[in-house]
C-alpha atoms as a PDB file:
ATOM      1  CA  MET A   1      -0.019  -0.275  -0.163  1.00  0.00           C
ATOM      2  CA  ALA A   2       1.515   3.186  -1.157  1.00  0.00           C
ATOM      3  CA  PHE A   3       2.490   5.915   1.825  1.00  0.00           C
ATOM      4  CA  LEU A   4       0.043   8.620   2.283  1.00  0.00           C
ATOM      5  CA  PRO A   5       1.114  12.249   3.316  1.00  0.00           C
ATOM      6  CA  VAL A   6       1.643  13.200   6.407  1.00  0.00           C
ATOM      7  CA  PHE A   7      -1.746  15.596   6.438  1.00  0.00           C
ATOM      8  CA  LEU A   8      -3.669  12.838   5.535  1.00  0.00           C
ATOM      9  CA  LEU A   9      -2.289  10.184   8.171  1.00  0.00           C
ATOM     10  CA  ARG A  10      -3.451  12.895  10.643  1.00  0.00           C
ATOM     11  CA  ALA A  11      -6.576  12.669   9.591  1.00  0.00           C
ATOM     12  CA  PHE A  12      -7.017   8.974  10.854  1.00  0.00           C
ATOM     13  CA  LEU A  13      -8.357   6.779  13.727  1.00  0.00           C
ATOM     14  CA  PRO A  14      -7.621   3.580  14.242  1.00  0.00           C
ATOM     15  CA  GLY A  15     -10.062   1.610  12.180  1.00  0.00           C
ATOM     16  CA  VAL A  16     -12.103   5.270  10.864  1.00  0.00           C
ATOM     17  CA  LEU A  17     -11.326   7.624   8.435  1.00  0.00           C
ATOM     18  CA  LEU A  18     -11.623  11.239   9.472  1.00  0.00           C
ATOM     19  CA  PHE A  19     -11.731  14.432   7.615  1.00  0.00           C
ATOM     20  CA  SER A  20     -10.073  17.324   9.478  1.00  0.00           C
ATOM     21  CA  ALA A  21     -12.548  19.322  11.829  1.00  0.00           C
ATOM     22  CA  CYS A  22     -11.381  22.219  11.296  1.00  0.00           C
ATOM     23  CA  THR A  23     -11.864  24.953   8.747  1.00  0.00           C
ATOM     24  CA  GLN A  24      -7.750  25.667   8.042  1.00  0.00           C
ATOM     25  CA  PRO A  25      -6.539  22.768   5.741  1.00  0.00           C
ATOM     26  CA  PRO A  26      -5.617  19.406   7.441  1.00  0.00           C
ATOM     27  CA  SER A  27      -1.812  19.830   7.391  1.00  0.00           C
ATOM     28  CA  GLU A  28       0.124  21.815   9.934  1.00  0.00           C
ATOM     29  CA  SER A  29       1.613  24.620   9.136  1.00  0.00           C
ATOM     30  CA  SER A  30       4.924  24.744   8.292  1.00  0.00           C
ATOM     31  CA  SER A  31       5.794  28.732   8.513  1.00  0.00           C
ATOM     32  CA  VAL A  32       8.302  29.411  10.883  1.00  0.00           C
ATOM     33  CA  SER A  33       7.466  33.589  11.080  1.00  0.00           C
ATOM     34  CA  PHE A  34       4.064  31.821  11.899  1.00  0.00           C
ATOM     35  CA  ALA A  35       5.294  29.223  14.609  1.00  0.00           C
ATOM     36  CA  ASP A  36       7.179  31.894  15.709  1.00  0.00           C
ATOM     37  CA  GLN A  37       3.846  33.792  16.686  1.00  0.00           C
ATOM     38  CA  ARG A  38       3.192  31.141  19.114  1.00  0.00           C
ATOM     39  CA  VAL A  39       6.323  31.487  21.257  1.00  0.00           C
ATOM     40  CA  ARG A  40       6.791  34.900  21.224  1.00  0.00           C
ATOM     41  CA  VAL A  41       3.322  36.647  22.185  1.00  0.00           C
ATOM     42  CA  ALA A  42       2.202  36.609  25.767  1.00  0.00           C
ATOM     43  CA  ALA A  43      -1.069  35.423  26.787  1.00  0.00           C
ATOM     44  CA  ASP A  44      -3.336  36.646  29.537  1.00  0.00           C
ATOM     45  CA  SER A  45      -3.080  34.241  32.174  1.00  0.00           C
ATOM     46  CA  VAL A  46      -6.764  33.652  32.762  1.00  0.00           C
ATOM     47  CA  GLY A  47      -7.916  30.341  32.444  1.00  0.00           C
ATOM     48  CA  TYR A  48      -4.579  29.203  31.039  1.00  0.00           C
ATOM     49  CA  SER A  49      -2.529  26.059  32.052  1.00  0.00           C
ATOM     50  CA  TYR A  50       0.601  24.598  30.438  1.00  0.00           C
ATOM     51  CA  HIS A  51       1.754  21.240  30.855  1.00  0.00           C
ATOM     52  CA  THR A  52       2.193  18.412  28.870  1.00  0.00           C
ATOM     53  CA  ALA A  53       0.001  17.336  26.186  1.00  0.00           C
ATOM     54  CA  ALA A  54      -2.382  14.902  26.648  1.00  0.00           C
ATOM     55  CA  ASP A  55      -3.360  14.206  23.450  1.00  0.00           C
ATOM     56  CA  PRO A  56      -0.194  14.255  20.504  1.00  0.00           C
ATOM     57  CA  ASN A  57      -2.546  16.886  17.880  1.00  0.00           C
ATOM     58  CA  GLY A  58      -2.624  19.441  20.904  1.00  0.00           C
ATOM     59  CA  ILE A  59       0.070  21.808  21.744  1.00  0.00           C
ATOM     60  CA  GLY A  60       0.078  21.391  25.701  1.00  0.00           C
ATOM     61  CA  LYS A  61      -1.555  24.682  26.474  1.00  0.00           C
ATOM     62  CA  TYR A  62      -4.801  24.333  27.900  1.00  0.00           C
ATOM     63  CA  TYR A  63      -7.689  26.906  28.141  1.00  0.00           C
ATOM     64  CA  TYR A  64     -10.234  25.947  30.476  1.00  0.00           C
ATOM     65  CA  GLY A  65      -9.095  22.486  30.895  1.00  0.00           C
ATOM     66  CA  ARG A  66      -9.690  22.126  27.247  1.00  0.00           C
ATOM     67  CA  GLN A  67      -6.268  21.018  25.169  1.00  0.00           C
ATOM     68  CA  ILE A  68      -5.534  23.287  22.351  1.00  0.00           C
ATOM     69  CA  ALA A  69      -5.375  21.783  18.452  1.00  0.00           C
ATOM     70  CA  HIS A  70      -2.018  22.408  16.404  1.00  0.00           C
ATOM     71  CA  VAL A  71      -3.163  24.914  13.752  1.00  0.00           C
ATOM     72  CA  MET A  72      -3.946  23.630  10.572  1.00  0.00           C
ATOM     73  CA  GLY A  73      -1.846  25.124   7.596  1.00  0.00           C
ATOM     74  CA  HIS A  74      -2.634  26.250   3.891  1.00  0.00           C
ATOM     75  CA  GLU A  75      -0.868  23.081   2.492  1.00  0.00           C
ATOM     76  CA  GLY A  76      -3.737  21.373   2.366  1.00  0.00           C
ATOM     77  CA  ALA A  77      -6.468  24.306   1.070  1.00  0.00           C
ATOM     78  CA  ASP A  78      -7.814  21.985  -1.684  1.00  0.00           C
ATOM     79  CA  TRP A  79      -9.321  20.075   1.229  1.00  0.00           C
ATOM     80  CA  LEU A  80     -11.528  22.870   2.103  1.00  0.00           C
ATOM     81  CA  GLU A  81     -13.159  23.162  -1.374  1.00  0.00           C
ATOM     82  CA  ARG A  82     -13.879  19.040  -1.765  1.00  0.00           C
ATOM     83  CA  ALA A  83     -16.929  18.466  -3.447  1.00  0.00           C
ATOM     84  CA  ASP A  84     -18.801  16.502  -0.715  1.00  0.00           C
ATOM     85  CA  ARG A  85     -18.478  19.314   2.284  1.00  0.00           C
ATOM     86  CA  GLN A  86     -21.775  20.503   1.760  1.00  0.00           C
ATOM     87  CA  GLN A  87     -23.517  16.921   2.345  1.00  0.00           C
ATOM     88  CA  GLU A  88     -20.793  16.122   4.862  1.00  0.00           C
ATOM     89  CA  GLU A  89     -21.216  19.326   6.985  1.00  0.00           C
ATOM     90  CA  GLY A  90     -24.587  20.639   5.824  1.00  0.00           C
ATOM     91  CA  THR A  91     -23.410  23.982   4.987  1.00  0.00           C
ATOM     92  CA  ASP A  92     -26.392  25.019   3.125  1.00  0.00           C
ATOM     93  CA  LEU A  93     -28.324  24.482   6.232  1.00  0.00           C
ATOM     94  CA  LEU A  94     -25.527  26.305   7.852  1.00  0.00           C
ATOM     95  CA  LEU A  95     -25.893  29.308   6.329  1.00  0.00           C
ATOM     96  CA  HIS A  96     -29.727  29.385   6.169  1.00  0.00           C
ATOM     97  CA  GLU A  97     -29.637  28.938   9.848  1.00  0.00           C
ATOM     98  CA  LEU A  98     -27.420  32.245  10.257  1.00  0.00           C
ATOM     99  CA  HIS A  99     -30.595  34.365   9.204  1.00  0.00           C
ATOM    100  CA  LEU A 100     -28.805  37.022   7.660  1.00  0.00           C
ATOM    101  CA  LYS A 101     -30.093  40.344   6.602  1.00  0.00           C
ATOM    102  CA  PRO A 102     -28.816  41.769   2.935  1.00  0.00           C
ATOM    103  CA  THR A 103     -27.196  44.607   4.695  1.00  0.00           C
ATOM    104  CA  ASP A 104     -25.203  42.866   7.233  1.00  0.00           C
ATOM    105  CA  VAL A 105     -21.274  43.201   7.711  1.00  0.00           C
ATOM    106  CA  VAL A 106     -20.251  39.411   8.615  1.00  0.00           C
ATOM    107  CA  ALA A 107     -17.095  38.673   9.970  1.00  0.00           C
ATOM    108  CA  ASP A 108     -15.626  34.698   8.797  1.00  0.00           C
ATOM    109  CA  ILE A 109     -12.960  34.145  10.808  1.00  0.00           C
ATOM    110  CA  GLY A 110     -10.700  31.406   9.973  1.00  0.00           C
ATOM    111  CA  ALA A 111     -11.914  32.285   6.317  1.00  0.00           C
ATOM    112  CA  GLY A 112      -9.431  29.977   4.831  1.00  0.00           C
ATOM    113  CA  THR A 113     -10.109  29.803   0.773  1.00  0.00           C
ATOM    114  CA  GLY A 114     -13.293  31.365   1.230  1.00  0.00           C
ATOM    115  CA  TYR A 115     -15.479  28.756   0.835  1.00  0.00           C
ATOM    116  CA  PHE A 116     -17.834  30.130   3.201  1.00  0.00           C
ATOM    117  CA  SER A 117     -17.092  33.888   2.705  1.00  0.00           C
ATOM    118  CA  PHE A 118     -17.826  34.049  -0.726  1.00  0.00           C
ATOM    119  CA  ARG A 119     -21.574  32.083  -0.390  1.00  0.00           C
ATOM    120  CA  ILE A 120     -22.061  34.582   2.496  1.00  0.00           C
ATOM    121  CA  SER A 121     -21.129  37.323   0.080  1.00  0.00           C
ATOM    122  CA  GLN A 122     -24.089  36.292  -1.972  1.00  0.00           C
ATOM    123  CA  LEU A 123     -26.727  36.836   1.021  1.00  0.00           C
ATOM    124  CA  VAL A 124     -25.153  40.501   1.987  1.00  0.00           C
ATOM    125  CA  PRO A 125     -25.466  42.339  -1.395  1.00  0.00           C
ATOM    126  CA  GLN A 126     -25.554  45.383   0.492  1.00  0.00           C
ATOM    127  CA  GLY A 127     -23.296  44.296   3.265  1.00  0.00           C
ATOM    128  CA  LYS A 128     -19.906  42.758   3.310  1.00  0.00           C
ATOM    129  CA  VAL A 129     -17.788  40.020   4.063  1.00  0.00           C
ATOM    130  CA  LEU A 130     -14.302  40.661   6.140  1.00  0.00           C
ATOM    131  CA  ALA A 131     -12.613  37.170   5.470  1.00  0.00           C
ATOM    132  CA  VAL A 132     -10.174  36.440   8.280  1.00  0.00           C
ATOM    133  CA  ASP A 133      -7.250  34.959   8.444  1.00  0.00           C
ATOM    134  CA  ILE A 134      -3.789  34.416  10.050  1.00  0.00           C
ATOM    135  CA  GLN A 135      -1.893  32.607   6.991  1.00  0.00           C
ATOM    136  CA  PRO A 136      -0.752  35.264   4.800  1.00  0.00           C
ATOM    137  CA  GLU A 137      -0.965  32.462   2.111  1.00  0.00           C
ATOM    138  CA  MET A 138      -4.738  32.149   2.275  1.00  0.00           C
ATOM    139  CA  ILE A 139      -4.958  35.747   2.475  1.00  0.00           C
ATOM    140  CA  THR A 140      -3.578  35.697  -1.222  1.00  0.00           C
ATOM    141  CA  ALA A 141      -5.788  33.016  -2.260  1.00  0.00           C
ATOM    142  CA  LEU A 142      -8.910  35.326  -0.424  1.00  0.00           C
ATOM    143  CA  GLN A 143      -7.391  38.137  -2.816  1.00  0.00           C
ATOM    144  CA  GLN A 144      -7.040  36.264  -6.272  1.00  0.00           C
ATOM    145  CA  THR A 145     -10.537  34.323  -5.633  1.00  0.00           C
ATOM    146  CA  ALA A 146     -12.303  37.610  -5.394  1.00  0.00           C
ATOM    147  CA  ALA A 147     -10.332  39.189  -8.230  1.00  0.00           C
ATOM    148  CA  ARG A 148     -11.047  36.484 -10.527  1.00  0.00           C
ATOM    149  CA  THR A 149     -14.894  36.106  -9.641  1.00  0.00           C
ATOM    150  CA  LYS A 150     -15.389  40.333  -9.513  1.00  0.00           C
ATOM    151  CA  VAL A 151     -17.001  39.640  -5.957  1.00  0.00           C
ATOM    152  CA  SER A 152     -16.708  43.274  -4.442  1.00  0.00           C
ATOM    153  CA  ASN A 153     -18.519  42.623  -0.864  1.00  0.00           C
ATOM    154  CA  VAL A 154     -15.159  40.580   0.452  1.00  0.00           C
ATOM    155  CA  GLN A 155     -12.378  42.023   2.443  1.00  0.00           C
ATOM    156  CA  PRO A 156      -9.723  39.765   3.284  1.00  0.00           C
ATOM    157  CA  VAL A 157      -8.186  40.503   6.580  1.00  0.00           C
ATOM    158  CA  LEU A 158      -4.782  39.123   8.156  1.00  0.00           C
ATOM    159  CA  SER A 159      -5.477  38.309  11.691  1.00  0.00           C
ATOM    160  CA  THR A 160      -2.400  37.889  14.826  1.00  0.00           C
ATOM    161  CA  VAL A 161      -2.767  35.484  17.308  1.00  0.00           C
ATOM    162  CA  GLN A 162      -4.826  37.560  19.463  1.00  0.00           C
ATOM    163  CA  ASN A 163      -6.430  40.172  17.056  1.00  0.00           C
ATOM    164  CA  PRO A 164      -8.469  39.503  14.031  1.00  0.00           C
ATOM    165  CA  ASN A 165      -8.320  43.121  13.224  1.00  0.00           C
ATOM    166  CA  LEU A 166     -12.015  43.521  13.126  1.00  0.00           C
ATOM    167  CA  PRO A 167     -13.747  47.420  13.594  1.00  0.00           C
ATOM    168  CA  ASP A 168     -14.965  48.254  16.672  1.00  0.00           C
ATOM    169  CA  ASN A 169     -19.014  48.240  17.140  1.00  0.00           C
ATOM    170  CA  GLY A 170     -18.959  47.108  13.669  1.00  0.00           C
ATOM    171  CA  VAL A 171     -19.600  43.393  13.188  1.00  0.00           C
ATOM    172  CA  ASP A 172     -23.356  41.886  13.014  1.00  0.00           C
ATOM    173  CA  LEU A 173     -22.437  38.346  13.048  1.00  0.00           C
ATOM    174  CA  VAL A 174     -19.190  36.660  13.327  1.00  0.00           C
ATOM    175  CA  LEU A 175     -18.518  33.384  12.053  1.00  0.00           C
ATOM    176  CA  ILE A 176     -16.380  30.784  13.473  1.00  0.00           C
ATOM    177  CA  VAL A 177     -16.547  27.411  11.488  1.00  0.00           C
ATOM    178  CA  ASP A 178     -14.266  24.536  13.329  1.00  0.00           C
ATOM    179  CA  ALA A 179     -11.521  27.208  14.275  1.00  0.00           C
ATOM    180  CA  TYR A 180     -11.904  28.360  17.501  1.00  0.00           C
ATOM    181  CA  HIS A 181     -10.473  25.194  19.075  1.00  0.00           C
ATOM    182  CA  GLU A 182      -7.078  25.885  17.634  1.00  0.00           C
ATOM    183  CA  PHE A 183      -6.852  29.502  18.687  1.00  0.00           C
ATOM    184  CA  ASP A 184      -3.625  29.516  21.028  1.00  0.00           C
ATOM    185  CA  HIS A 185      -4.976  32.858  22.437  1.00  0.00           C
ATOM    186  CA  PRO A 186      -8.819  32.271  22.841  1.00  0.00           C
ATOM    187  CA  ARG A 187      -9.606  34.398  25.177  1.00  0.00           C
ATOM    188  CA  GLU A 188      -7.603  37.278  23.766  1.00  0.00           C
ATOM    189  CA  MET A 189      -9.494  36.831  20.512  1.00  0.00           C
ATOM    190  CA  MET A 190     -12.655  36.457  21.967  1.00  0.00           C
ATOM    191  CA  GLN A 191     -12.114  39.906  23.819  1.00  0.00           C
ATOM    192  CA  ALA A 192     -11.212  41.768  20.803  1.00  0.00           C
ATOM    193  CA  ILE A 193     -14.512  39.475  19.080  1.00  0.00           C
ATOM    194  CA  ARG A 194     -16.746  40.729  21.511  1.00  0.00           C
ATOM    195  CA  LYS A 195     -15.216  44.329  20.786  1.00  0.00           C
ATOM    196  CA  SER A 196     -16.220  44.336  17.241  1.00  0.00           C
ATOM    197  CA  LEU A 197     -19.584  43.534  17.504  1.00  0.00           C
ATOM    198  CA  THR A 198     -22.437  45.798  17.289  1.00  0.00           C
ATOM    199  CA  PRO A 199     -25.221  46.182  20.219  1.00  0.00           C
ATOM    200  CA  THR A 200     -27.208  43.321  18.173  1.00  0.00           C
ATOM    201  CA  GLY A 201     -24.359  41.882  16.822  1.00  0.00           C
ATOM    202  CA  ARG A 202     -23.608  37.617  17.369  1.00  0.00           C
ATOM    203  CA  VAL A 203     -21.286  34.939  17.631  1.00  0.00           C
ATOM    204  CA  ALA A 204     -21.930  31.850  15.470  1.00  0.00           C
ATOM    205  CA  LEU A 205     -19.796  29.482  16.776  1.00  0.00           C
ATOM    206  CA  VAL A 206     -19.439  26.114  14.796  1.00  0.00           C
ATOM    207  CA  GLU A 207     -17.747  23.021  16.457  1.00  0.00           C
ATOM    208  CA  TYR A 208     -18.246  19.080  16.155  1.00  0.00           C
ATOM    209  CA  ARG A 209     -20.097  17.559  18.684  1.00  0.00           C
ATOM    210  CA  ALA A 210     -18.100  16.187  21.667  1.00  0.00           C
ATOM    211  CA  GLU A 211     -20.689  14.662  22.970  1.00  0.00           C
ATOM    212  CA  ASP A 212     -21.423  12.452  20.709  1.00  0.00           C
ATOM    213  CA  SER A 213     -18.635   9.648  20.289  1.00  0.00           C
ATOM    214  CA  GLU A 214     -20.555   8.663  16.537  1.00  0.00           C
ATOM    215  CA  VAL A 215     -18.476  11.818  15.349  1.00  0.00           C
ATOM    216  CA  PRO A 216     -15.466  10.488  13.858  1.00  0.00           C
ATOM    217  CA  ILE A 217     -13.295  13.368  14.541  1.00  0.00           C
ATOM    218  CA  LYS A 218     -10.541  13.251  17.147  1.00  0.00           C
ATOM    219  CA  ARG A 219     -11.194  14.423  20.141  1.00  0.00           C
ATOM    220  CA  VAL A 220      -8.936  17.669  20.452  1.00  0.00           C
ATOM    221  CA  HIS A 221     -10.937  18.844  17.019  1.00  0.00           C
ATOM    222  CA  LYS A 222     -14.375  18.688  19.140  1.00  0.00           C
ATOM    223  CA  MET A 223     -16.412  20.876  21.491  1.00  0.00           C
ATOM    224  CA  SER A 224     -18.966  20.054  23.888  1.00  0.00           C
ATOM    225  CA  VAL A 225     -21.941  23.068  24.411  1.00  0.00           C
ATOM    226  CA  ALA A 226     -21.077  23.159  27.963  1.00  0.00           C
ATOM    227  CA  GLN A 227     -17.468  24.199  27.586  1.00  0.00           C
ATOM    228  CA  ALA A 228     -18.075  26.926  24.817  1.00  0.00           C
ATOM    229  CA  ARG A 229     -20.326  28.291  27.067  1.00  0.00           C
ATOM    230  CA  LYS A 230     -17.641  28.349  29.727  1.00  0.00           C
ATOM    231  CA  GLU A 231     -15.153  29.817  27.633  1.00  0.00           C
ATOM    232  CA  LEU A 232     -17.055  32.344  25.501  1.00  0.00           C
ATOM    233  CA  GLU A 233     -19.363  33.764  28.540  1.00  0.00           C
ATOM    234  CA  ALA A 234     -16.053  34.428  30.089  1.00  0.00           C
ATOM    235  CA  VAL A 235     -15.024  37.024  28.313  1.00  0.00           C
ATOM    236  CA  GLY A 236     -18.879  38.443  28.767  1.00  0.00           C
ATOM    237  CA  LEU A 237     -20.481  37.083  25.733  1.00  0.00           C
ATOM    238  CA  LYS A 238     -24.018  35.717  26.524  1.00  0.00           C
ATOM    239  CA  PHE A 239     -24.898  32.400  24.888  1.00  0.00           C
ATOM    240  CA  GLU A 240     -28.569  32.453  23.335  1.00  0.00           C
ATOM    241  CA  GLN A 241     -28.790  28.856  21.939  1.00  0.00           C
ATOM    242  CA  SER A 242     -27.307  25.895  20.691  1.00  0.00           C
ATOM    243  CA  VAL A 243     -28.999  24.665  16.742  1.00  0.00           C
ATOM    244  CA  GLU A 244     -28.357  20.777  16.606  1.00  0.00           C
ATOM    245  CA  THR A 245     -29.519  20.717  13.255  1.00  0.00           C
ATOM    246  CA  LEU A 246     -26.682  19.998  11.383  1.00  0.00           C
ATOM    247  CA  PRO A 247     -24.929  16.458  10.510  1.00  0.00           C
ATOM    248  CA  GLN A 248     -22.211  16.347  12.984  1.00  0.00           C
ATOM    249  CA  GLN A 249     -21.555  19.786  14.701  1.00  0.00           C
ATOM    250  CA  HIS A 250     -23.097  22.233  17.097  1.00  0.00           C
ATOM    251  CA  LEU A 251     -23.902  25.592  15.652  1.00  0.00           C
ATOM    252  CA  MET A 252     -24.076  28.034  18.886  1.00  0.00           C
ATOM    253  CA  PHE A 253     -24.906  31.363  18.769  1.00  0.00           C
ATOM    254  CA  PHE A 254     -23.967  34.297  21.807  1.00  0.00           C
ATOM    255  CA  GLY A 255     -24.646  37.721  21.995  1.00  0.00           C
ATOM    256  CA  LYS A 256     -22.619  40.654  23.039  1.00  0.00           C
ATOM    257  CA  GLY A 257     -23.865  40.576  26.613  1.00  0.00           C
ATOM    258  CA  ARG A 258     -22.583  42.820  29.183  1.00  0.00           C
END
């Protein structure tokens, strides 16, 4: 049998073929400068702990007891646009459940190749999509797609590990699809995201269901509703509801709160 590439081997559990649970591609970034960011930036200490990784797919850093997963890299970008993604994840249903208005400003965090960004752009013709990613290679890909498709309301935004670089009080919906569990500074990122929301703004957090053992995704790439609430409520966001109509993921909504 031929050997599989490393990024595909990481998608296996014993006896089960997995598709990465991330909006980032299914391979770890090889960018030295990106890795250096993790080392250089000092974190807010609240909620964090550091010890040997219980799961090799994690970074040895924990937030409120949850091990943070390794970030996936741009090398597997084609995987984000795979033909069966809509059927596997129910992406059309997810977009319907967002109940967007034509004038909304939406931030797609961990936008990657723009799978959601460019679909959302059609739903907010008088608004815009801020397609946020931490990898310059993804920003370039987003810019190229926008130019090729002549889409004018998708604006790529380069993020840092602590700040998505969004406008204060300027975003109606922040969408985070299978990326939050990889934030190595989740507290700082969500504090900045909360600051970006309008008074009626919402966060839509999508994560594979940790409560469901039948979801064939590595544990470090899943989250429970209880864990998500613990982490997002810690920065002042208010839990509104969890929509459970997607095939394998939670769709959790949070408001700006206090």
